[in-house]
């Protein structure tokens, strides 16, 4: 699970669907990125970071503990 990604999304009050629409990917693709079963392309990662208003690439790290 990518807790940093999930926590940032929740802090901004966004759903998987809202982020996926803004990024231009399927909701299921975003969900898989967030749970860590899929890695985003470089372009998609940049778009997600923009939507979530973060600069740190560590947001995509898989972390087991919240």
PDB file of N, CA and C in Angstrom:
ATOM      1  N   UNK A   1       0.853  -1.188   0.000  1.00  0.00           N
ATOM      2  CA  UNK A   1       0.000   0.000   0.000  1.00  0.00           C
ATOM      3  C   UNK A   1       0.886   1.234   0.000  1.00  0.00           C
ATOM      4  N   UNK A   2       0.521   2.185  -0.797  1.00  0.00           N
ATOM      5  CA  UNK A   2       1.228   3.454  -0.822  1.00  0.00           C
ATOM      6  C   UNK A   2       0.480   4.437   0.071  1.00  0.00           C
ATOM      7  N   UNK A   3       0.787   4.356   1.375  1.00  0.00           N
ATOM      8  CA  UNK A   3       0.060   5.158   2.357  1.00  0.00           C
ATOM      9  C   UNK A   3       0.200   6.654   2.127  1.00  0.00           C
ATOM     10  N   UNK A   4       1.374   7.099   1.701  1.00  0.00           N
ATOM     11  CA  UNK A   4       1.557   8.528   1.463  1.00  0.00           C
ATOM     12  C   UNK A   4       0.601   9.028   0.385  1.00  0.00           C
ATOM     13  N   UNK A   5       0.464   8.246  -0.673  1.00  0.00           N
ATOM     14  CA  UNK A   5      -0.433   8.602  -1.770  1.00  0.00           C
ATOM     15  C   UNK A   5      -1.881   8.627  -1.291  1.00  0.00           C
ATOM     16  N   UNK A   6      -2.271   7.592  -0.577  1.00  0.00           N
ATOM     17  CA  UNK A   6      -3.638   7.494  -0.054  1.00  0.00           C
ATOM     18  C   UNK A   6      -3.935   8.615   0.937  1.00  0.00           C
ATOM     19  N   UNK A   7      -3.012   8.848   1.859  1.00  0.00           N
ATOM     20  CA  UNK A   7      -3.234   9.883   2.869  1.00  0.00           C
ATOM     21  C   UNK A   7      -3.348  11.265   2.246  1.00  0.00           C
ATOM     22  N   UNK A   8      -2.517  11.557   1.252  1.00  0.00           N
ATOM     23  CA  UNK A   8      -2.578  12.865   0.592  1.00  0.00           C
ATOM     24  C   UNK A   8      -3.912  13.022  -0.138  1.00  0.00           C
ATOM     25  N   UNK A   9      -4.356  11.974  -0.826  1.00  0.00           N
ATOM     26  CA  UNK A   9      -5.641  12.011  -1.533  1.00  0.00           C
ATOM     27  C   UNK A   9      -6.778  12.284  -0.558  1.00  0.00           C
ATOM     28  N   UNK A  10      -6.772  11.560   0.563  1.00  0.00           N
ATOM     29  CA  UNK A  10      -7.826  11.734   1.561  1.00  0.00           C
ATOM     30  C   UNK A  10      -7.771  13.118   2.197  1.00  0.00           C
ATOM     31  N   UNK A  11      -6.558  13.610   2.444  1.00  0.00           N
ATOM     32  CA  UNK A  11      -6.405  14.941   3.041  1.00  0.00           C
ATOM     33  C   UNK A  11      -7.018  16.013   2.140  1.00  0.00           C
ATOM     34  N   UNK A  12      -6.908  15.820   0.823  1.00  0.00           N
ATOM     35  CA  UNK A  12      -7.484  16.770  -0.129  1.00  0.00           C
ATOM     36  C   UNK A  12      -8.965  16.490  -0.404  1.00  0.00           C
ATOM     37  N   UNK A  13      -9.484  15.398   0.163  1.00  0.00           N
ATOM     38  CA  UNK A  13     -10.893  15.063  -0.007  1.00  0.00           C
ATOM     39  C   UNK A  13     -11.235  14.583  -1.406  1.00  0.00           C
ATOM     40  N   UNK A  14     -10.287  13.925  -2.060  1.00  0.00           N
ATOM     41  CA  UNK A  14     -10.497  13.452  -3.427  1.00  0.00           C
ATOM     42  C   UNK A  14     -10.778  11.955  -3.452  1.00  0.00           C
ATOM     43  N   UNK A  15     -11.569  11.543  -4.418  1.00  0.00           N
ATOM     44  CA  UNK A  15     -11.843  10.121  -4.619  1.00  0.00           C
ATOM     45  C   UNK A  15     -10.918   9.593  -5.711  1.00  0.00           C
ATOM     46  N   UNK A  16     -10.875   8.275  -5.825  1.00  0.00           N
ATOM     47  CA  UNK A  16     -10.101   7.658  -6.913  1.00  0.00           C
ATOM     48  C   UNK A  16     -10.603   8.167  -8.255  1.00  0.00           C
ATOM     49  N   UNK A  17     -11.921   8.268  -8.394  1.00  0.00           N
ATOM     50  CA  UNK A  17     -12.516   8.703  -9.661  1.00  0.00           C
ATOM     51  C   UNK A  17     -12.117  10.139  -9.998  1.00  0.00           C
ATOM     52  N   UNK A  18     -12.131  11.018  -9.020  1.00  0.00           N
ATOM     53  CA  UNK A  18     -11.771  12.420  -9.266  1.00  0.00           C
ATOM     54  C   UNK A  18     -10.319  12.540  -9.724  1.00  0.00           C
ATOM     55  N   UNK A  19      -9.435  11.828  -9.061  1.00  0.00           N
ATOM     56  CA  UNK A  19      -8.026  11.884  -9.469  1.00  0.00           C
ATOM     57  C   UNK A  19      -7.846  11.287 -10.853  1.00  0.00           C
ATOM     58  N   UNK A  20      -8.452  10.142 -11.095  1.00  0.00           N
ATOM     59  CA  UNK A  20      -8.272   9.486 -12.396  1.00  0.00           C
ATOM     60  C   UNK A  20      -8.776  10.368 -13.537  1.00  0.00           C
ATOM     61  N   UNK A  21      -9.879  11.073 -13.341  1.00  0.00           N
ATOM     62  CA  UNK A  21     -10.382  11.976 -14.381  1.00  0.00           C
ATOM     63  C   UNK A  21      -9.411  13.121 -14.635  1.00  0.00           C
ATOM     64  N   UNK A  22      -8.867  13.688 -13.560  1.00  0.00           N
ATOM     65  CA  UNK A  22      -7.935  14.807 -13.706  1.00  0.00           C
ATOM     66  C   UNK A  22      -6.625  14.371 -14.358  1.00  0.00           C
ATOM     67  N   UNK A  23      -6.216  13.139 -14.098  1.00  0.00           N
ATOM     68  CA  UNK A  23      -4.966  12.625 -14.643  1.00  0.00           C
ATOM     69  C   UNK A  23      -5.166  12.083 -16.062  1.00  0.00           C
ATOM     70  N   UNK A  24      -6.385  11.615 -16.351  1.00  0.00           N
ATOM     71  CA  UNK A  24      -6.672  11.062 -17.667  1.00  0.00           C
ATOM     72  C   UNK A  24      -6.403   9.573 -17.765  1.00  0.00           C
ATOM     73  N   UNK A  25      -6.649   8.870 -16.656  1.00  0.00           N
ATOM     74  CA  UNK A  25      -6.483   7.417 -16.622  1.00  0.00           C
ATOM     75  C   UNK A  25      -7.754   6.790 -16.069  1.00  0.00           C
ATOM     76  N   UNK A  26      -7.877   5.488 -16.229  1.00  0.00           N
ATOM     77  CA  UNK A  26      -9.038   4.775 -15.683  1.00  0.00           C
ATOM     78  C   UNK A  26      -8.979   4.763 -14.158  1.00  0.00           C
ATOM     79  N   UNK A  27     -10.147   4.742 -13.532  1.00  0.00           N
ATOM     80  CA  UNK A  27     -10.200   4.689 -12.076  1.00  0.00           C
ATOM     81  C   UNK A  27      -9.476   3.454 -11.563  1.00  0.00           C
ATOM     82  N   UNK A  28      -9.672   2.322 -12.228  1.00  0.00           N
ATOM     83  CA  UNK A  28      -9.019   1.087 -11.794  1.00  0.00           C
ATOM     84  C   UNK A  28      -7.493   1.195 -11.879  1.00  0.00           C
ATOM     85  N   UNK A  29      -7.006   1.915 -12.859  1.00  0.00           N
ATOM     86  CA  UNK A  29      -5.561   2.122 -12.981  1.00  0.00           C
ATOM     87  C   UNK A  29      -5.051   2.919 -11.797  1.00  0.00           C
ATOM     88  N   UNK A  30      -5.760   4.002 -11.457  1.00  0.00           N
ATOM     89  CA  UNK A  30      -5.329   4.792 -10.292  1.00  0.00           C
ATOM     90  C   UNK A  30      -5.384   3.950  -9.020  1.00  0.00           C
ATOM     91  N   UNK A  31      -6.446   3.186  -8.861  1.00  0.00           N
ATOM     92  CA  UNK A  31      -6.583   2.338  -7.679  1.00  0.00           C
ATOM     93  C   UNK A  31      -5.392   1.388  -7.575  1.00  0.00           C
ATOM     94  N   UNK A  32      -5.021   0.769  -8.689  1.00  0.00           N
ATOM     95  CA  UNK A  32      -3.880  -0.149  -8.685  1.00  0.00           C
ATOM     96  C   UNK A  32      -2.567   0.568  -8.385  1.00  0.00           C
ATOM     97  N   UNK A  33      -2.426   1.801  -8.821  1.00  0.00           N
ATOM     98  CA  UNK A  33      -1.235   2.590  -8.493  1.00  0.00           C
ATOM     99  C   UNK A  33      -1.202   2.848  -6.990  1.00  0.00           C
ATOM    100  N   UNK A  34      -2.351   3.232  -6.439  1.00  0.00           N
ATOM    101  CA  UNK A  34      -2.399   3.554  -5.015  1.00  0.00           C
ATOM    102  C   UNK A  34      -2.148   2.336  -4.126  1.00  0.00           C
ATOM    103  N   UNK A  35      -2.660   1.179  -4.524  1.00  0.00           N
ATOM    104  CA  UNK A  35      -2.443  -0.007  -3.682  1.00  0.00           C
ATOM    105  C   UNK A  35      -1.076  -0.652  -3.941  1.00  0.00           C
ATOM    106  N   UNK A  36      -0.382  -0.170  -4.963  1.00  0.00           N
ATOM    107  CA  UNK A  36       0.976  -0.620  -5.200  1.00  0.00           C
ATOM    108  C   UNK A  36       1.133  -1.805  -6.128  1.00  0.00           C
ATOM    109  N   UNK A  37       0.072  -2.203  -6.823  1.00  0.00           N
ATOM    110  CA  UNK A  37       0.184  -3.332  -7.750  1.00  0.00           C
ATOM    111  C   UNK A  37       0.572  -2.885  -9.152  1.00  0.00           C
ATOM    112  N   UNK A  38       0.568  -1.581  -9.384  1.00  0.00           N
ATOM    113  CA  UNK A  38       0.948  -1.038 -10.688  1.00  0.00           C
ATOM    114  C   UNK A  38       1.778   0.215 -10.453  1.00  0.00           C
ATOM    115  N   UNK A  39       2.808   0.390 -11.263  1.00  0.00           N
ATOM    116  CA  UNK A  39       3.617   1.596 -11.199  1.00  0.00           C
ATOM    117  C   UNK A  39       3.182   2.550 -12.302  1.00  0.00           C
ATOM    118  N   UNK A  40       3.088   3.837 -11.987  1.00  0.00           N
ATOM    119  CA  UNK A  40       2.682   4.802 -13.010  1.00  0.00           C
ATOM    120  C   UNK A  40       3.831   5.084 -13.971  1.00  0.00           C
ATOM    121  N   UNK A  41       3.481   5.442 -15.190  1.00  0.00           N
ATOM    122  CA  UNK A  41       4.501   5.920 -16.122  1.00  0.00           C
ATOM    123  C   UNK A  41       5.019   7.246 -15.585  1.00  0.00           C
ATOM    124  N   UNK A  42       6.124   7.713 -16.122  1.00  0.00           N
ATOM    125  CA  UNK A  42       6.698   8.978 -15.680  1.00  0.00           C
ATOM    126  C   UNK A  42       5.686  10.111 -15.840  1.00  0.00           C
ATOM    127  N   UNK A  43       5.026  10.171 -16.994  1.00  0.00           N
ATOM    128  CA  UNK A  43       4.057  11.237 -17.264  1.00  0.00           C
ATOM    129  C   UNK A  43       2.870  11.163 -16.306  1.00  0.00           C
ATOM    130  N   UNK A  44       2.361   9.976 -16.063  1.00  0.00           N
ATOM    131  CA  UNK A  44       1.231   9.809 -15.141  1.00  0.00           C
ATOM    132  C   UNK A  44       1.656  10.179 -13.718  1.00  0.00           C
ATOM    133  N   UNK A  45       2.864   9.808 -13.323  1.00  0.00           N
ATOM    134  CA  UNK A  45       3.350  10.157 -11.982  1.00  0.00           C
ATOM    135  C   UNK A  45       3.406  11.677 -11.814  1.00  0.00           C
ATOM    136  N   UNK A  46       3.873  12.370 -12.826  1.00  0.00           N
ATOM    137  CA  UNK A  46       3.937  13.837 -12.773  1.00  0.00           C
ATOM    138  C   UNK A  46       2.533  14.423 -12.640  1.00  0.00           C
ATOM    139  N   UNK A  47       1.582  13.883 -13.395  1.00  0.00           N
ATOM    140  CA  UNK A  47       0.205  14.380 -13.330  1.00  0.00           C
ATOM    141  C   UNK A  47      -0.421  14.114 -11.964  1.00  0.00           C
ATOM    142  N   UNK A  48      -0.174  12.941 -11.403  1.00  0.00           N
ATOM    143  CA  UNK A  48      -0.714  12.622 -10.076  1.00  0.00           C
ATOM    144  C   UNK A  48      -0.125  13.570  -9.045  1.00  0.00           C
ATOM    145  N   UNK A  49       1.177  13.780  -9.106  1.00  0.00           N
ATOM    146  CA  UNK A  49       1.817  14.705  -8.163  1.00  0.00           C
ATOM    147  C   UNK A  49       1.235  16.103  -8.299  1.00  0.00           C
ATOM    148  N   UNK A  50       0.937  16.516  -9.522  1.00  0.00           N
ATOM    149  CA  UNK A  50       0.347  17.835  -9.747  1.00  0.00           C
ATOM    150  C   UNK A  50      -1.047  17.926  -9.135  1.00  0.00           C
ATOM    151  N   UNK A  51      -1.861  16.910  -9.361  1.00  0.00           N
ATOM    152  CA  UNK A  51      -3.217  16.890  -8.809  1.00  0.00           C
ATOM    153  C   UNK A  51      -3.181  16.887  -7.281  1.00  0.00           C
ATOM    154  N   UNK A  52      -2.232  16.146  -6.717  1.00  0.00           N
ATOM    155  CA  UNK A  52      -2.125  16.051  -5.260  1.00  0.00           C
ATOM    156  C   UNK A  52      -1.286  17.178  -4.652  1.00  0.00           C
ATOM    157  N   UNK A  53      -0.756  18.032  -5.509  1.00  0.00           N
ATOM    158  CA  UNK A  53       0.026  19.194  -5.074  1.00  0.00           C
ATOM    159  C   UNK A  53       1.220  18.796  -4.211  1.00  0.00           C
ATOM    160  N   UNK A  54       1.991  17.823  -4.703  1.00  0.00           N
ATOM    161  CA  UNK A  54       3.212  17.396  -4.017  1.00  0.00           C
ATOM    162  C   UNK A  54       4.391  17.446  -4.988  1.00  0.00           C
ATOM    163  N   UNK A  55       5.572  17.620  -4.448  1.00  0.00           N
ATOM    164  CA  UNK A  55       6.780  17.646  -5.257  1.00  0.00           C
ATOM    165  C   UNK A  55       7.658  16.420  -5.002  1.00  0.00           C
ATOM    166  N   UNK A  56       7.489  15.788  -3.861  1.00  0.00           N
ATOM    167  CA  UNK A  56       8.342  14.682  -3.437  1.00  0.00           C
ATOM    168  C   UNK A  56       7.961  13.376  -4.141  1.00  0.00           C
ATOM    169  N   UNK A  57       8.947  12.726  -4.773  1.00  0.00           N
ATOM    170  CA  UNK A  57       8.705  11.441  -5.435  1.00  0.00           C
ATOM    171  C   UNK A  57       8.446  10.318  -4.447  1.00  0.00           C
ATOM    172  N   UNK A  58       8.798  10.510  -3.182  1.00  0.00           N
ATOM    173  CA  UNK A  58       8.598   9.468  -2.177  1.00  0.00           C
ATOM    174  C   UNK A  58       7.129   9.134  -1.967  1.00  0.00           C
ATOM    175  N   UNK A  59       6.249   9.936  -2.494  1.00  0.00           N
ATOM    176  CA  UNK A  59       4.818   9.659  -2.344  1.00  0.00           C
ATOM    177  C   UNK A  59       4.447   8.324  -2.999  1.00  0.00           C
ATOM    178  N   UNK A  60       5.276   7.844  -3.924  1.00  0.00           N
ATOM    179  CA  UNK A  60       4.996   6.596  -4.629  1.00  0.00           C
ATOM    180  C   UNK A  60       5.649   5.372  -3.997  1.00  0.00           C
ATOM    181  N   UNK A  61       6.346   5.542  -2.890  1.00  0.00           N
ATOM    182  CA  UNK A  61       6.976   4.401  -2.239  1.00  0.00           C
ATOM    183  C   UNK A  61       5.936   3.476  -1.633  1.00  0.00           C
ATOM    184  N   UNK A  62       6.178   2.186  -1.725  1.00  0.00           N
ATOM    185  CA  UNK A  62       5.317   1.199  -1.063  1.00  0.00           C
ATOM    186  C   UNK A  62       5.778   1.101   0.383  1.00  0.00           C
ATOM    187  N   UNK A  63       4.870   1.363   1.297  1.00  0.00           N
ATOM    188  CA  UNK A  63       5.195   1.307   2.716  1.00  0.00           C
ATOM    189  C   UNK A  63       4.190   0.385   3.393  1.00  0.00           C
ATOM    190  N   UNK A  64       4.686  -0.531   4.200  1.00  0.00           N
ATOM    191  CA  UNK A  64       3.802  -1.522   4.849  1.00  0.00           C
ATOM    192  C   UNK A  64       3.099  -0.972   6.070  1.00  0.00           C
ATOM    193  N   UNK A  65       3.705  -0.038   6.761  1.00  0.00           N
ATOM    194  CA  UNK A  65       3.112   0.506   7.987  1.00  0.00           C
ATOM    195  C   UNK A  65       2.632   1.926   7.756  1.00  0.00           C
ATOM    196  N   UNK A  66       1.414   2.246   8.222  1.00  0.00           N
ATOM    197  CA  UNK A  66       0.910   3.627   8.045  1.00  0.00           C
ATOM    198  C   UNK A  66       1.681   4.630   8.879  1.00  0.00           C
TER     199      UNK A  66
END
